[in-house]
Structures are given as structure tokens and as C-alpha cells.
Amino acid sequence: MAKGNPLQEQLLKAGLVKKSKLAEVAREQNKARHGKGPAAPSEIQRDAERARAEKAERDRALEAERKAQARTAELRAQARQIISDRKVPRTGEVEYRFTADGAIRTVLVNDDLKKKLAAGVLVIVQFDNRYELLPRVAAEKVRERDARLIVLDHGQPADATASTSEDDAYYAQFKVPDDLMW
């Protein structure tokens, strides 16, 4: 045997190891010395890999947020386009009052538009700091895209928790005249 490790030679002579096992260990040691084998990742490499994974996750989250914002902006633009295309021209001198943003607002309409608003055939939407009237079909399309633009809709049921059947039964005894004007 060539000049090797004296301990390995003694173990071989004693019969505690086989020659093939000895050669395999020698090859592994040679690879480790010359750096040809897969080296265990160092702490710095693990930190760098962890940082790359965290950056990739942040990038994915930011991209998802950007896509969500773009989709919201697209839906808002579609709603604005529907409003501008389908708004009902307002004519008349009758004031129709409603609440929006915690304040009482007024639009001028004629008697026909007032009846349609009260019946829920027309809906009031906010459009560029002013209020427009929309037919119910167009208002439903706007509601699908951006429900915050709908200001007044008598065709939709009011908040169910606000009035109970007991309240309705109690207030049914008080009649309100149909021609009540503010």
C-alpha cells in the first residue's frame, strides 16, 4: 500500500475495516480537500437565501396589491362611463331632498322624475361632486362595479336590522298623507 494514513493501515491490518471502505473514505477526503464535492451551505449562504426568499415574497405581495388597485381603478372607470352614458337629464323646479355623506342634499326634478325616484325606477348616484339620475338597470351595473357611487335607491330594501316587524306594526296606526311636502 502506498504511503497513507498510519491509523488506517493499522485498522486494515487488524481486520476492523475493509480495503474498499478505506478507498471510499480516501476519495471523500480528497474531494473535500479539493472542493469538488457539495459543500455544506455556510451561515452567510443560508442568510442570503432567506433574504432572497423574503424579497421574492414581498415582491409577490406588492404585485398582487398593484393588480388589485389597477382592477379597482378599471371598475371605477367603467362605472363612471356607465353614469356618463346613461344619466337621465334633469328638468323641473321641484326640489327632491335626500341625505348623502351625513348632509341633506337637493336636486331639482319634475313631477314625473320625482315619482320615478320615489318608486325606485330611478336611482341617484354621485358623479364628479354632483348628483345624477340613472335608470335602475344602469344603476345595477354601477353597483356591481362600485357600490359607493349609489347615493339613493328606493328600490333596494332598507337595512333590515333598522326596523323590525314590531316597529312596523306600531307605526302602521299612524297615517302619513301622500301629498306631504317639506
C-alpha atoms as a PDB file:
ATOM      1  CA  MET A   1       0.000   0.000   0.000  1.00  0.00           C
ATOM      2  CA  ALA A   2       1.194   3.460  -0.785  1.00  0.00           C
ATOM      3  CA  LYS A   3       2.059   5.939   1.881  1.00  0.00           C
ATOM      4  CA  GLY A   4      -1.288   6.584   3.601  1.00  0.00           C
ATOM      5  CA  ASN A   5      -2.635   7.269   6.967  1.00  0.00           C
ATOM      6  CA  PRO A   6      -0.892   5.101   9.605  1.00  0.00           C
ATOM      7  CA  LEU A   7      -4.110   4.715  11.582  1.00  0.00           C
ATOM      8  CA  GLN A   8      -5.928   3.452   8.508  1.00  0.00           C
ATOM      9  CA  GLU A   9      -3.130   0.920   7.862  1.00  0.00           C
ATOM     10  CA  GLN A  10      -3.308  -0.348  11.426  1.00  0.00           C
ATOM     11  CA  LEU A  11      -7.117  -0.721  11.234  1.00  0.00           C
ATOM     12  CA  LEU A  12      -6.753  -2.611   7.951  1.00  0.00           C
ATOM     13  CA  LYS A  13      -4.110  -4.984   9.414  1.00  0.00           C
ATOM     14  CA  ALA A  14      -6.296  -5.612  12.457  1.00  0.00           C
ATOM     15  CA  GLY A  15      -9.198  -6.519  10.131  1.00  0.00           C
ATOM     16  CA  LEU A  16     -11.509  -3.838  11.527  1.00  0.00           C
ATOM     17  CA  VAL A  17     -12.094  -2.159   8.118  1.00  0.00           C
ATOM     18  CA  LYS A  18     -12.205  -3.374   4.543  1.00  0.00           C
ATOM     19  CA  LYS A  19      -9.990  -2.131   1.798  1.00  0.00           C
ATOM     20  CA  SER A  20     -12.987  -0.836  -0.242  1.00  0.00           C
ATOM     21  CA  LYS A  21     -14.241   1.224   2.704  1.00  0.00           C
ATOM     22  CA  LEU A  22     -10.760   2.650   3.161  1.00  0.00           C
ATOM     23  CA  ALA A  23     -10.594   3.682  -0.517  1.00  0.00           C
ATOM     24  CA  GLU A  24     -14.034   5.306  -0.303  1.00  0.00           C
ATOM     25  CA  VAL A  25     -13.024   7.369   2.735  1.00  0.00           C
ATOM     26  CA  ALA A  26      -9.821   8.409   0.993  1.00  0.00           C
ATOM     27  CA  ARG A  27     -11.799   9.579  -2.075  1.00  0.00           C
ATOM     28  CA  GLU A  28     -14.177  11.610   0.091  1.00  0.00           C
ATOM     29  CA  GLN A  29     -11.274  13.247   1.905  1.00  0.00           C
ATOM     30  CA  ASN A  30      -9.621  14.070  -1.410  1.00  0.00           C
ATOM     31  CA  LYS A  31     -12.852  15.622  -2.731  1.00  0.00           C
ATOM     32  CA  ALA A  32     -13.260  17.664   0.428  1.00  0.00           C
ATOM     33  CA  ARG A  33      -9.702  18.947   0.126  1.00  0.00           C
ATOM     34  CA  HIS A  34     -10.117  19.998  -3.489  1.00  0.00           C
ATOM     35  CA  GLY A  35     -13.634  21.383  -3.056  1.00  0.00           C
ATOM     36  CA  LYS A  36     -15.225  19.248  -5.769  1.00  0.00           C
ATOM     37  CA  GLY A  37     -17.939  17.791  -3.588  1.00  0.00           C
ATOM     38  CA  PRO A  38     -21.079  19.530  -2.442  1.00  0.00           C
ATOM     39  CA  ALA A  39     -20.093  21.749   0.419  1.00  0.00           C
ATOM     40  CA  ALA A  40     -22.486  22.348   3.253  1.00  0.00           C
ATOM     41  CA  PRO A  41     -24.018  25.810   2.972  1.00  0.00           C
ATOM     42  CA  SER A  42     -22.454  28.308   5.301  1.00  0.00           C
ATOM     43  CA  GLU A  43     -24.401  30.611   7.588  1.00  0.00           C
ATOM     44  CA  ILE A  44     -23.890  33.513   5.188  1.00  0.00           C
ATOM     45  CA  GLN A  45     -25.271  31.484   2.296  1.00  0.00           C
ATOM     46  CA  ARG A  46     -28.328  30.470   4.332  1.00  0.00           C
ATOM     47  CA  ASP A  47     -28.938  34.108   5.315  1.00  0.00           C
ATOM     48  CA  ALA A  48     -28.613  35.211   1.697  1.00  0.00           C
ATOM     49  CA  GLU A  49     -31.067  32.519   0.568  1.00  0.00           C
ATOM     50  CA  ARG A  50     -33.520  33.514   3.288  1.00  0.00           C
ATOM     51  CA  ALA A  51     -33.225  37.185   2.275  1.00  0.00           C
ATOM     52  CA  ARG A  52     -33.859  36.250  -1.389  1.00  0.00           C
ATOM     53  CA  ALA A  53     -36.968  34.274  -0.401  1.00  0.00           C
ATOM     54  CA  GLU A  54     -38.296  37.142   1.727  1.00  0.00           C
ATOM     55  CA  LYS A  55     -37.686  39.636  -1.087  1.00  0.00           C
ATOM     56  CA  ALA A  56     -39.492  37.375  -3.553  1.00  0.00           C
ATOM     57  CA  GLU A  57     -42.461  37.117  -1.177  1.00  0.00           C
ATOM     58  CA  ARG A  58     -42.565  40.911  -0.718  1.00  0.00           C
ATOM     59  CA  ASP A  59     -42.394  41.372  -4.488  1.00  0.00           C
ATOM     60  CA  ARG A  60     -45.303  38.952  -4.984  1.00  0.00           C
ATOM     61  CA  ALA A  61     -47.368  40.781  -2.347  1.00  0.00           C
ATOM     62  CA  LEU A  62     -46.627  44.175  -3.906  1.00  0.00           C
ATOM     63  CA  GLU A  63     -47.524  42.896  -7.368  1.00  0.00           C
ATOM     64  CA  ALA A  64     -50.812  41.467  -6.078  1.00  0.00           C
ATOM     65  CA  GLU A  65     -51.607  44.807  -4.440  1.00  0.00           C
ATOM     66  CA  ARG A  66     -50.792  46.686  -7.658  1.00  0.00           C
ATOM     67  CA  LYS A  67     -53.052  44.364  -9.636  1.00  0.00           C
ATOM     68  CA  ALA A  68     -55.881  44.845  -7.133  1.00  0.00           C
ATOM     69  CA  GLN A  69     -55.523  48.636  -7.343  1.00  0.00           C
ATOM     70  CA  ALA A  70     -55.490  48.516 -11.132  1.00  0.00           C
ATOM     71  CA  ARG A  71     -58.635  46.346 -11.127  1.00  0.00           C
ATOM     72  CA  THR A  72     -60.382  48.746  -8.729  1.00  0.00           C
ATOM     73  CA  ALA A  73     -59.441  51.727 -10.904  1.00  0.00           C
ATOM     74  CA  GLU A  74     -60.688  49.888 -14.001  1.00  0.00           C
ATOM     75  CA  LEU A  75     -64.040  49.087 -12.360  1.00  0.00           C
ATOM     76  CA  ARG A  76     -64.407  52.688 -11.166  1.00  0.00           C
ATOM     77  CA  ALA A  77     -63.718  53.956 -14.683  1.00  0.00           C
ATOM     78  CA  GLN A  78     -66.320  51.565 -16.091  1.00  0.00           C
ATOM     79  CA  ALA A  79     -68.881  52.798 -13.531  1.00  0.00           C
ATOM     80  CA  ARG A  80     -68.133  56.433 -14.417  1.00  0.00           C
ATOM     81  CA  GLN A  81     -68.561  55.620 -18.104  1.00  0.00           C
ATOM     82  CA  ILE A  82     -71.934  53.979 -17.462  1.00  0.00           C
ATOM     83  CA  ILE A  83     -73.078  57.017 -15.480  1.00  0.00           C
ATOM     84  CA  SER A  84     -72.000  59.491 -18.144  1.00  0.00           C
ATOM     85  CA  ASP A  85     -73.657  57.428 -20.911  1.00  0.00           C
ATOM     86  CA  ARG A  86     -76.936  56.565 -19.193  1.00  0.00           C
ATOM     87  CA  LYS A  87     -77.724  59.555 -16.951  1.00  0.00           C
ATOM     88  CA  VAL A  88     -81.265  60.900 -17.177  1.00  0.00           C
ATOM     89  CA  PRO A  89     -81.497  64.608 -17.994  1.00  0.00           C
ATOM     90  CA  ARG A  90     -82.908  66.528 -15.046  1.00  0.00           C
ATOM     91  CA  THR A  91     -85.515  69.159 -15.712  1.00  0.00           C
ATOM     92  CA  GLY A  92     -88.023  70.821 -13.434  1.00  0.00           C
ATOM     93  CA  GLU A  93     -88.324  73.044 -10.429  1.00  0.00           C
ATOM     94  CA  VAL A  94     -89.474  70.579  -7.773  1.00  0.00           C
ATOM     95  CA  GLU A  95     -86.903  70.009  -5.065  1.00  0.00           C
ATOM     96  CA  TYR A  96     -86.167  66.386  -4.206  1.00  0.00           C
ATOM     97  CA  ARG A  97     -84.256  66.070  -0.933  1.00  0.00           C
ATOM     98  CA  PHE A  98     -82.137  63.139   0.217  1.00  0.00           C
ATOM     99  CA  THR A  99     -79.246  62.509   2.586  1.00  0.00           C
ATOM    100  CA  ALA A 100     -75.710  61.924   1.380  1.00  0.00           C
ATOM    101  CA  ASP A 101     -72.494  61.992   3.401  1.00  0.00           C
ATOM    102  CA  GLY A 102     -74.418  62.972   6.528  1.00  0.00           C
ATOM    103  CA  ALA A 103     -75.984  66.078   4.968  1.00  0.00           C
ATOM    104  CA  ILE A 104     -79.278  66.807   3.256  1.00  0.00           C
ATOM    105  CA  ARG A 105     -78.823  67.327  -0.475  1.00  0.00           C
ATOM    106  CA  THR A 106     -81.291  68.618  -3.049  1.00  0.00           C
ATOM    107  CA  VAL A 107     -81.782  68.005  -6.760  1.00  0.00           C
ATOM    108  CA  LEU A 108     -84.301  69.773  -8.976  1.00  0.00           C
ATOM    109  CA  VAL A 109     -86.660  67.443 -10.821  1.00  0.00           C
ATOM    110  CA  ASN A 110     -90.094  67.492 -12.421  1.00  0.00           C
ATOM    111  CA  ASP A 111     -93.116  65.612 -11.057  1.00  0.00           C
ATOM    112  CA  ASP A 112     -92.564  62.595 -13.322  1.00  0.00           C
ATOM    113  CA  LEU A 113     -88.920  62.193 -12.208  1.00  0.00           C
ATOM    114  CA  LYS A 114     -89.958  62.638  -8.566  1.00  0.00           C
ATOM    115  CA  LYS A 115     -92.478  59.801  -8.842  1.00  0.00           C
ATOM    116  CA  LYS A 116     -89.921  57.564 -10.533  1.00  0.00           C
ATOM    117  CA  LEU A 117     -87.371  58.295  -7.792  1.00  0.00           C
ATOM    118  CA  ALA A 118     -89.905  57.503  -5.051  1.00  0.00           C
ATOM    119  CA  ALA A 119     -90.925  54.274  -6.806  1.00  0.00           C
ATOM    120  CA  GLY A 120     -87.322  53.149  -7.206  1.00  0.00           C
ATOM    121  CA  VAL A 121     -87.349  53.272 -11.007  1.00  0.00           C
ATOM    122  CA  LEU A 122     -84.611  55.910 -10.896  1.00  0.00           C
ATOM    123  CA  VAL A 123     -81.568  55.932  -8.637  1.00  0.00           C
ATOM    124  CA  ILE A 124     -79.387  58.854  -7.536  1.00  0.00           C
ATOM    125  CA  VAL A 125     -75.622  58.414  -7.972  1.00  0.00           C
ATOM    126  CA  GLN A 126     -72.710  60.688  -7.163  1.00  0.00           C
ATOM    127  CA  PHE A 127     -70.654  61.679 -10.181  1.00  0.00           C
ATOM    128  CA  ASP A 128     -67.811  64.250 -10.038  1.00  0.00           C
ATOM    129  CA  ASN A 129     -69.154  66.067  -6.951  1.00  0.00           C
ATOM    130  CA  ARG A 130     -72.654  66.299  -8.387  1.00  0.00           C
ATOM    131  CA  TYR A 131     -75.648  64.019  -8.357  1.00  0.00           C
ATOM    132  CA  GLU A 132     -77.130  62.312 -11.392  1.00  0.00           C
ATOM    133  CA  LEU A 133     -80.225  60.190 -12.007  1.00  0.00           C
ATOM    134  CA  LEU A 134     -79.834  56.723 -13.504  1.00  0.00           C
ATOM    135  CA  PRO A 135     -82.349  54.105 -14.605  1.00  0.00           C
ATOM    136  CA  ARG A 136     -82.417  51.004 -12.383  1.00  0.00           C
ATOM    137  CA  VAL A 137     -80.725  48.737 -14.971  1.00  0.00           C
ATOM    138  CA  ALA A 138     -77.754  51.084 -15.336  1.00  0.00           C
ATOM    139  CA  ALA A 139     -77.619  51.591 -11.557  1.00  0.00           C
ATOM    140  CA  GLU A 140     -77.307  47.831 -11.037  1.00  0.00           C
ATOM    141  CA  LYS A 141     -74.338  47.767 -13.410  1.00  0.00           C
ATOM    142  CA  VAL A 142     -72.770  50.649 -11.467  1.00  0.00           C
ATOM    143  CA  ARG A 143     -73.472  48.844  -8.165  1.00  0.00           C
ATOM    144  CA  GLU A 144     -71.583  45.768  -9.449  1.00  0.00           C
ATOM    145  CA  ARG A 145     -68.534  47.890 -10.206  1.00  0.00           C
ATOM    146  CA  ASP A 146     -68.544  50.452  -7.362  1.00  0.00           C
ATOM    147  CA  ALA A 147     -71.439  50.404  -4.907  1.00  0.00           C
ATOM    148  CA  ARG A 148     -70.174  53.542  -3.131  1.00  0.00           C
ATOM    149  CA  LEU A 149     -71.367  55.700  -6.039  1.00  0.00           C
ATOM    150  CA  ILE A 150     -75.022  54.834  -5.313  1.00  0.00           C
ATOM    151  CA  VAL A 151     -76.406  57.550  -3.037  1.00  0.00           C
ATOM    152  CA  LEU A 152     -80.166  56.865  -3.008  1.00  0.00           C
ATOM    153  CA  ASP A 153     -82.047  53.783  -4.153  1.00  0.00           C
ATOM    154  CA  HIS A 154     -85.641  53.321  -3.040  1.00  0.00           C
ATOM    155  CA  GLY A 155     -85.853  50.050  -4.981  1.00  0.00           C
ATOM    156  CA  GLN A 156     -83.437  48.291  -2.610  1.00  0.00           C
ATOM    157  CA  PRO A 157     -84.703  47.147   0.790  1.00  0.00           C
ATOM    158  CA  ALA A 158     -83.533  49.321   3.655  1.00  0.00           C
ATOM    159  CA  ASP A 159     -81.309  47.924   6.372  1.00  0.00           C
ATOM    160  CA  ALA A 160     -83.311  45.001   7.766  1.00  0.00           C
ATOM    161  CA  THR A 161     -81.937  45.418  11.277  1.00  0.00           C
ATOM    162  CA  ALA A 162     -83.108  49.024  11.494  1.00  0.00           C
ATOM    163  CA  SER A 163     -86.822  48.187  11.555  1.00  0.00           C
ATOM    164  CA  THR A 164     -88.465  45.131  12.996  1.00  0.00           C
ATOM    165  CA  SER A 165     -91.963  43.778  12.499  1.00  0.00           C
ATOM    166  CA  GLU A 166     -92.952  45.155  15.934  1.00  0.00           C
ATOM    167  CA  ASP A 167     -91.933  48.664  14.864  1.00  0.00           C
ATOM    168  CA  ASP A 168     -93.814  48.310  11.589  1.00  0.00           C
ATOM    169  CA  ALA A 169     -96.959  47.142  13.376  1.00  0.00           C
ATOM    170  CA  TYR A 170     -96.784  50.036  15.845  1.00  0.00           C
ATOM    171  CA  TYR A 171     -96.235  52.742  13.230  1.00  0.00           C
ATOM    172  CA  ALA A 172     -98.930  51.346  10.926  1.00  0.00           C
ATOM    173  CA  GLN A 173    -101.550  53.043  13.094  1.00  0.00           C
ATOM    174  CA  PHE A 174    -100.204  56.479  12.132  1.00  0.00           C
ATOM    175  CA  LYS A 175    -101.192  57.527   8.631  1.00  0.00           C
ATOM    176  CA  VAL A 176     -98.896  59.814   6.662  1.00  0.00           C
ATOM    177  CA  PRO A 177    -100.517  61.955   3.968  1.00  0.00           C
ATOM    178  CA  ASP A 178     -99.374  61.223   0.416  1.00  0.00           C
ATOM    179  CA  ASP A 179     -99.074  64.905  -0.507  1.00  0.00           C
ATOM    180  CA  LEU A 180     -96.729  65.820   2.336  1.00  0.00           C
ATOM    181  CA  MET A 181     -94.247  68.470   1.180  1.00  0.00           C
ATOM    182  CA  TRP A 182     -91.187  69.576   3.149  1.00  0.00           C
END
